[in-house]
Protein backbone atom coordinates (compact mmCIF):
# COMPACT_ATOMS: atom_id res chain seq x y z
CA UNK A 1 0.00 0.00 0.00
CA UNK A 2 2.84 2.37 0.85
CA UNK A 3 4.54 1.73 -2.51
CA UNK A 4 1.23 2.27 -4.36
CA UNK A 5 0.70 5.60 -2.59
CA UNK A 6 4.25 6.76 -3.37
CA UNK A 7 3.97 5.88 -7.08
CA UNK A 8 0.51 7.43 -7.40
CA UNK A 9 1.67 10.54 -5.58
CA UNK A 10 4.55 11.10 -8.00
CA UNK A 11 2.44 10.36 -11.10
CA UNK A 12 -0.40 12.71 -10.12
CA UNK A 13 1.94 15.52 -9.03
CA UNK A 14 3.93 15.33 -12.27
CA UNK A 15 0.73 15.12 -14.34
CA UNK A 16 -0.52 18.35 -12.76
CA UNK A 17 2.88 19.93 -13.35
CA UNK A 18 2.72 18.82 -16.99
CA UNK A 19 -0.68 20.49 -17.42
CA UNK A 20 0.77 23.75 -16.12
CA UNK A 21 3.76 23.44 -18.46
CA UNK A 22 1.48 22.91 -21.47
CA UNK A 23 -0.55 25.99 -20.57
CA UNK A 24 2.59 28.13 -20.56
CA UNK A 25 4.81 26.55 -23.24
CA UNK A 26 2.34 24.76 -25.54
CA UNK A 27 3.37 26.78 -28.60
CA UNK A 28 7.00 25.72 -28.47
CA UNK A 29 7.52 22.55 -30.50
CA UNK A 30 10.50 20.21 -30.72
CA UNK A 31 13.84 21.12 -29.15
CA UNK A 32 13.26 24.89 -29.13
CA UNK A 33 14.69 26.88 -26.27
CA UNK A 34 12.42 29.91 -25.69
CA UNK A 35 11.42 31.97 -22.68
CA UNK A 36 8.02 30.28 -22.63
CA UNK A 37 9.82 26.95 -22.26
CA UNK A 38 11.95 28.40 -19.45
CA UNK A 39 8.94 29.72 -17.53
CA UNK A 40 7.07 26.50 -18.23
CA UNK A 41 9.93 24.42 -16.85
CA UNK A 42 10.15 26.57 -13.72
CA UNK A 43 6.38 26.32 -13.21
CA UNK A 44 6.46 22.55 -13.74
CA UNK A 45 9.20 22.18 -11.12
CA UNK A 46 7.35 24.15 -8.47
CA UNK A 47 3.93 22.64 -9.14
CA UNK A 48 5.16 19.04 -9.34
CA UNK A 49 7.31 19.22 -6.22
CA UNK A 50 4.79 21.24 -4.23
CA UNK A 51 1.98 18.91 -5.33
CA UNK A 52 4.00 15.88 -4.25
CA UNK A 53 4.61 17.51 -0.88
CA UNK A 54 0.97 18.52 -0.37
CA UNK A 55 -0.32 15.01 -1.14
CA UNK A 56 2.26 13.51 1.21
CA UNK A 57 1.39 15.81 4.11
CA UNK A 58 -2.35 15.53 3.44
CA UNK A 59 -2.03 11.76 3.83
CA UNK A 60 -0.56 12.16 7.31
CA UNK A 61 -3.10 14.82 8.20
CA UNK A 62 -5.93 12.45 7.29
CA UNK A 63 -4.16 9.82 9.38
CA UNK A 64 -4.21 12.29 12.31
CA UNK A 65 -0.43 12.25 12.52
CA UNK A 66 0.33 15.94 12.19
CA UNK A 67 -0.80 19.51 11.52
CA UNK A 68 -1.17 20.22 7.81
CA UNK A 69 -0.04 23.84 7.58
CA UNK A 70 2.73 23.42 10.16
CA UNK A 71 4.09 20.40 8.28
CA UNK A 72 3.80 22.20 4.93
CA UNK A 73 5.63 25.25 6.27
CA UNK A 74 8.47 23.21 7.76
CA UNK A 75 8.99 21.03 4.69
CA UNK A 76 8.85 23.92 2.20
CA UNK A 77 11.56 25.64 4.22
CA UNK A 78 13.67 22.52 3.90
CA UNK A 79 13.23 21.81 0.17
CA UNK A 80 12.95 25.33 -1.29
CA UNK A 81 16.74 25.86 -1.44
CA UNK A 82 17.09 22.51 -3.24
CA UNK A 83 14.43 23.48 -5.78
CA UNK A 84 16.06 26.84 -6.46
CA UNK A 85 19.45 25.15 -6.87
CA UNK A 86 18.29 22.47 -9.31
CA UNK A 87 16.11 24.62 -11.59
CA UNK A 88 19.11 26.40 -13.22
CA UNK A 89 20.78 23.01 -13.66
CA UNK A 90 17.74 21.69 -15.51
CA UNK A 91 17.61 24.77 -17.71
CA UNK A 92 21.29 24.36 -18.60
CA UNK A 93 20.71 20.73 -19.60
CA UNK A 94 17.68 21.79 -21.63
CA UNK A 95 19.71 24.42 -23.46
CA UNK A 96 22.52 21.94 -24.18
CA UNK A 97 20.02 19.56 -25.77
CA UNK A 98 19.21 22.20 -28.40
CA UNK A 99 22.85 22.50 -29.49
CA UNK A 100 24.90 20.44 -32.02
CA UNK A 101 26.57 17.36 -30.50
CA UNK A 102 24.21 17.77 -27.57
CA UNK A 103 24.47 14.23 -26.26
CA UNK A 104 28.28 14.38 -26.23
CA UNK A 105 28.10 17.49 -24.07
CA UNK A 106 25.57 15.80 -21.82
CA UNK A 107 27.93 12.85 -21.26
CA UNK A 108 30.76 15.23 -20.33
CA UNK A 109 28.44 17.26 -18.15
CA UNK A 110 27.03 14.26 -16.28
CA UNK A 111 30.43 13.09 -14.98
CA UNK A 112 30.93 15.89 -12.42
CA UNK A 113 27.20 15.87 -11.69
CA UNK A 114 27.19 12.17 -10.78
CA UNK A 115 30.29 12.68 -8.63
CA UNK A 116 28.48 15.44 -6.74
CA UNK A 117 25.46 13.18 -6.34
CA UNK A 118 27.63 10.39 -4.96
CA UNK A 119 29.21 12.77 -2.44
CA UNK A 120 25.76 13.89 -1.33
CA UNK A 121 24.64 10.27 -0.95
CA UNK A 122 27.65 9.55 1.26
CA UNK A 123 26.64 12.52 3.42
CA UNK A 124 23.04 11.28 3.66
CA UNK A 125 24.22 7.79 4.60
CA UNK A 126 26.39 9.18 7.39
CA UNK A 127 23.47 11.30 8.60
CA UNK A 128 21.26 8.21 8.68
CA UNK A 129 23.86 6.37 10.76
CA UNK A 130 23.97 9.33 13.15
CA UNK A 131 20.18 9.30 13.59
CA UNK A 132 20.23 5.55 14.24
CA UNK A 133 22.94 6.01 16.87
CA UNK A 134 20.89 8.72 18.56
CA UNK A 135 17.80 6.49 18.49
CA UNK A 136 19.77 3.63 20.06
CA UNK A 137 21.01 5.84 22.90
CA UNK A 138 17.49 7.12 23.56
CA UNK A 139 16.14 3.56 23.63
CA UNK A 140 18.90 2.53 26.04
CA UNK A 141 18.07 5.21 28.61
CA UNK A 142 14.31 4.68 28.22
CA UNK A 143 14.77 0.97 28.88
CA UNK A 144 16.67 1.79 32.07
CA UNK A 145 14.40 4.53 33.43
CA UNK A 146 10.59 4.28 32.96
CA UNK A 147 10.24 8.01 33.74
CA UNK A 148 12.46 8.88 30.80
CA UNK A 149 10.19 6.99 28.39
CA UNK A 150 8.72 9.75 26.26
CA UNK A 151 10.43 12.50 28.27
CA UNK A 152 13.28 13.01 25.79
CA UNK A 153 10.85 13.21 22.85
CA UNK A 154 8.63 15.71 24.66
CA UNK A 155 11.61 17.88 25.57
CA UNK A 156 12.83 17.71 21.96
CA UNK A 157 9.40 18.79 20.70
CA UNK A 158 9.16 21.67 23.18
CA UNK A 159 12.72 22.77 22.37
CA UNK A 160 11.92 22.75 18.66
CA UNK A 161 8.87 24.97 19.18
CA UNK A 162 10.89 27.40 21.31
CA UNK A 163 13.57 27.63 18.62
CA UNK A 164 10.96 28.39 15.96
CA UNK A 165 9.40 31.11 18.11
CA UNK A 166 12.80 32.71 18.73
CA UNK A 167 13.60 32.71 15.01
CA UNK A 168 16.50 30.26 15.25
CA UNK A 169 17.90 28.77 12.05
CA UNK A 170 16.82 25.32 10.89
CA UNK A 171 20.34 23.99 11.46
CA UNK A 172 20.48 25.31 15.04
CA UNK A 173 16.99 23.97 15.74
CA UNK A 174 17.97 20.50 14.52
CA UNK A 175 21.04 20.53 16.78
CA UNK A 176 18.99 21.56 19.82
CA UNK A 177 16.50 18.77 19.10
CA UNK A 178 19.34 16.23 18.94
CA UNK A 179 20.66 17.56 22.25
CA UNK A 180 17.19 17.24 23.77
CA UNK A 181 16.94 13.61 22.70
CA UNK A 182 20.35 12.90 24.24
CA UNK A 183 20.28 15.15 27.31
CA UNK A 184 19.67 12.32 29.81
CA UNK A 185 22.07 9.84 28.20
CA UNK A 186 24.37 10.17 31.21
CA UNK A 187 21.77 8.48 33.41
CA UNK A 188 22.84 5.21 31.80
CA UNK A 189 25.78 5.33 34.21
CA UNK A 190 23.65 5.88 37.33
CA UNK A 191 22.90 2.88 39.54
CA UNK A 192 19.30 1.63 39.38
CA UNK A 193 18.97 1.91 43.17
CA UNK A 194 19.48 5.66 42.85
CA UNK A 195 17.88 6.33 39.48
CA UNK A 196 14.71 4.35 40.19
CA UNK A 197 14.32 5.24 43.86
CA UNK A 198 10.58 5.73 44.56
CA UNK A 199 11.11 8.49 47.14
CA UNK A 200 13.13 11.70 47.49
CA UNK A 201 16.90 11.36 47.11
CA UNK A 202 19.42 11.83 49.90
CA UNK A 203 22.15 14.42 49.48
CA UNK A 204 24.67 11.72 48.52
CA UNK A 205 22.28 10.21 45.98
CA UNK A 206 21.55 13.62 44.52
CA UNK A 207 25.29 14.20 44.09
CA UNK A 208 25.41 11.01 42.01
CA UNK A 209 22.49 12.16 39.84
CA UNK A 210 24.21 15.50 39.29
CA UNK A 211 27.02 13.73 37.47
CA UNK A 212 24.78 12.69 34.56
CA UNK A 213 25.41 15.78 32.36
CA UNK A 214 29.17 15.20 32.52
CA UNK A 215 28.77 11.46 31.92
CA UNK A 216 26.38 12.15 29.05
CA UNK A 217 28.81 14.57 27.45
CA UNK A 218 31.53 11.92 27.71
CA UNK A 219 29.29 9.28 26.09
CA UNK A 220 28.39 11.41 23.07
CA UNK A 221 31.98 12.54 22.44
CA UNK A 222 32.54 9.58 20.13
CA UNK A 223 29.61 10.61 17.90
CA UNK A 224 31.41 13.80 16.87
CA UNK A 225 28.44 16.12 17.36
CA UNK A 226 28.47 19.91 17.11
CA UNK A 227 29.37 22.28 20.00
CA UNK A 228 25.69 23.29 20.11
CA UNK A 229 24.74 19.73 21.09
CA UNK A 230 27.69 19.22 23.42
CA UNK A 231 27.05 22.47 25.32
CA UNK A 232 23.34 21.77 25.69
CA UNK A 233 23.90 18.25 27.04
CA UNK A 234 26.62 19.39 29.45
CA UNK A 235 24.96 22.58 30.72
CA UNK A 236 21.21 21.90 30.65
CA UNK A 237 21.19 21.88 34.48
CA UNK A 238 23.38 24.95 34.69
CA UNK A 239 21.34 27.93 35.93
CA UNK A 240 21.02 31.33 34.29
CA UNK A 241 22.53 32.98 37.40
CA UNK A 242 25.74 30.93 37.07
CA UNK A 243 24.96 28.29 39.70
CA UNK A 244 23.70 24.75 39.21
CA UNK A 245 25.69 21.81 37.94
CA UNK A 246 28.25 20.92 36.79
CA UNK A 247 29.97 23.45 39.09
CA UNK A 248 32.44 24.50 36.40
CA UNK A 249 30.62 26.29 33.63
CA UNK A 250 29.37 29.57 32.18
CA UNK A 251 28.97 32.49 34.56
CA UNK A 252 25.73 34.41 35.10
CA UNK A 253 24.08 35.54 31.87
CA UNK A 254 26.45 33.61 29.59
CA UNK A 255 24.69 30.25 29.36
CA UNK A 256 24.74 28.98 25.75
CA UNK A 257 21.38 29.49 24.04
CA UNK A 258 21.08 25.78 23.25
CA UNK A 259 21.42 24.91 26.94
CA UNK A 260 19.05 27.70 27.98
CA UNK A 261 16.34 26.45 25.60
CA UNK A 262 16.81 22.85 26.69
CA UNK A 263 16.64 23.89 30.36
CA UNK A 264 13.23 25.54 29.93
CA UNK A 265 11.78 22.59 27.99
CA UNK A 266 13.23 20.05 30.44
CA UNK A 267 11.99 21.96 33.49
CA UNK A 268 8.47 22.36 32.11
CA UNK A 269 8.10 18.68 31.23
CA UNK A 270 9.53 17.62 34.60
CA UNK A 271 6.94 19.78 36.38
CA UNK A 272 3.88 18.43 34.54
CA UNK A 273 5.00 14.77 34.52
CA UNK A 274 4.07 12.29 37.26
CA UNK A 275 6.97 11.04 39.35
CA UNK A 276 7.06 8.06 41.77
CA UNK A 277 6.96 10.41 44.78
CA UNK A 278 4.58 13.13 43.47
CA UNK A 279 1.86 13.77 40.93
CA UNK A 280 2.52 16.05 37.99
CA UNK A 281 1.41 19.67 38.30
CA UNK A 282 -1.12 21.31 36.00
CA UNK A 283 0.05 23.37 33.04
CA UNK A 284 -1.16 26.53 34.78
CA UNK A 285 0.94 25.67 37.84
CA UNK A 286 3.92 24.94 35.59
CA UNK A 287 3.62 28.38 33.99
CA UNK A 288 3.59 30.02 37.42
CA UNK A 289 6.70 28.11 38.49
CA UNK A 290 8.57 29.08 35.32
CA UNK A 291 7.74 32.74 35.95
CA UNK A 292 8.98 32.45 39.54
CA UNK A 293 12.40 31.09 38.53
CA UNK A 294 12.89 33.40 35.54
CA UNK A 295 16.14 35.33 35.84
CA UNK A 296 17.59 32.98 38.44
CA UNK A 297 17.25 29.42 37.17
CA UNK A 298 16.03 30.10 33.63
CA UNK A 299 16.88 32.57 30.86
CA UNK A 300 14.17 35.31 30.78
CA UNK A 301 14.07 35.65 26.99
CA UNK A 302 13.65 31.90 26.53
CA UNK A 303 10.90 31.71 29.17
CA UNK A 304 9.12 34.65 27.53
CA UNK A 305 9.20 32.90 24.15
CA UNK A 306 7.98 29.64 25.66
CA UNK A 307 5.10 31.17 27.63
CA UNK A 308 3.96 32.94 24.46
CA UNK A 309 3.35 29.62 22.68
CA UNK A 310 2.72 27.27 25.63
CA UNK A 311 -1.11 27.30 25.42
CA UNK A 312 -1.09 25.78 21.92
CA UNK A 313 1.63 23.18 22.51
CA UNK A 314 0.83 19.46 22.61
CA UNK A 315 3.74 17.66 24.29
CA UNK A 316 1.59 14.55 24.64
CA UNK A 317 1.72 14.21 20.83
CA UNK A 318 5.48 14.72 20.66
CA UNK A 319 6.21 11.31 19.11
CA UNK A 320 3.96 12.03 16.11
CA UNK A 321 4.89 15.68 15.67
CA UNK A 322 8.64 15.16 16.00
CA UNK A 323 8.63 12.66 13.15
CA UNK A 324 8.20 15.49 10.63
CA UNK A 325 10.51 18.01 12.29
CA UNK A 326 13.91 16.45 12.68
């Protein structure tokens, strides 16, 4: 069924794009390179790709797995640069086909193009391996700590929404989401007797828990992630006023933005989530607590951005919504 949908999606989207092309460039016959052909080709590219994207997202909307306009906005932002980059390439190939010895030039032209495509495929393969490694680490900590099950995904979702509200770049947002998924990785090294204790921790036990950001940073070192991810994992329990843990870290007001965003998302989800020794607070109570610790524990500008969008957020649907964001 999935393969049938994919094939039908491509065929219908390209058919609609072809209709648009014929409306614009129907008078140009044969291998004639005119401005009507150029505009027709550009229109075909946009309509076919956008149509493919709309059908894809509409499918998931009908399956109740996401928000249509939010998904459309996010995916257009991701593919628009690729569309703009490939349209000139297609026009160049089209122009070459109208020239003498066209196919010889195409053969010479395709060599560097295929090399570039191979390099891009290698990059995509390495990115896929990275995502699988991240997923494995998340599964490992969730298997160890029942509380963490779903927590990392909710924090990643909340962090993503904060980044969007603050106007962060797509690249930075992706890095913060990766950090959110990995922020509790260090708890893998905490003994079960401490990590899964049903009641409040003693001072000695709390000191053990406070080591998890440093341990987590050490675990992810081998993945070769960006400083944005490393800083967020290491400092997400570091306070805005320069206190918190680990004790060595940024001074007051200099907490990295990635860590500040992760801290707000992590704190909010921890407040509203049930724990073995207390019930989760309401969202209204969580908002009040965030306002109380603004400027001391949490970065004021990040809290302001979060509270602006908090009423419309759905952390309980994080698993479904995150699928189309990262």
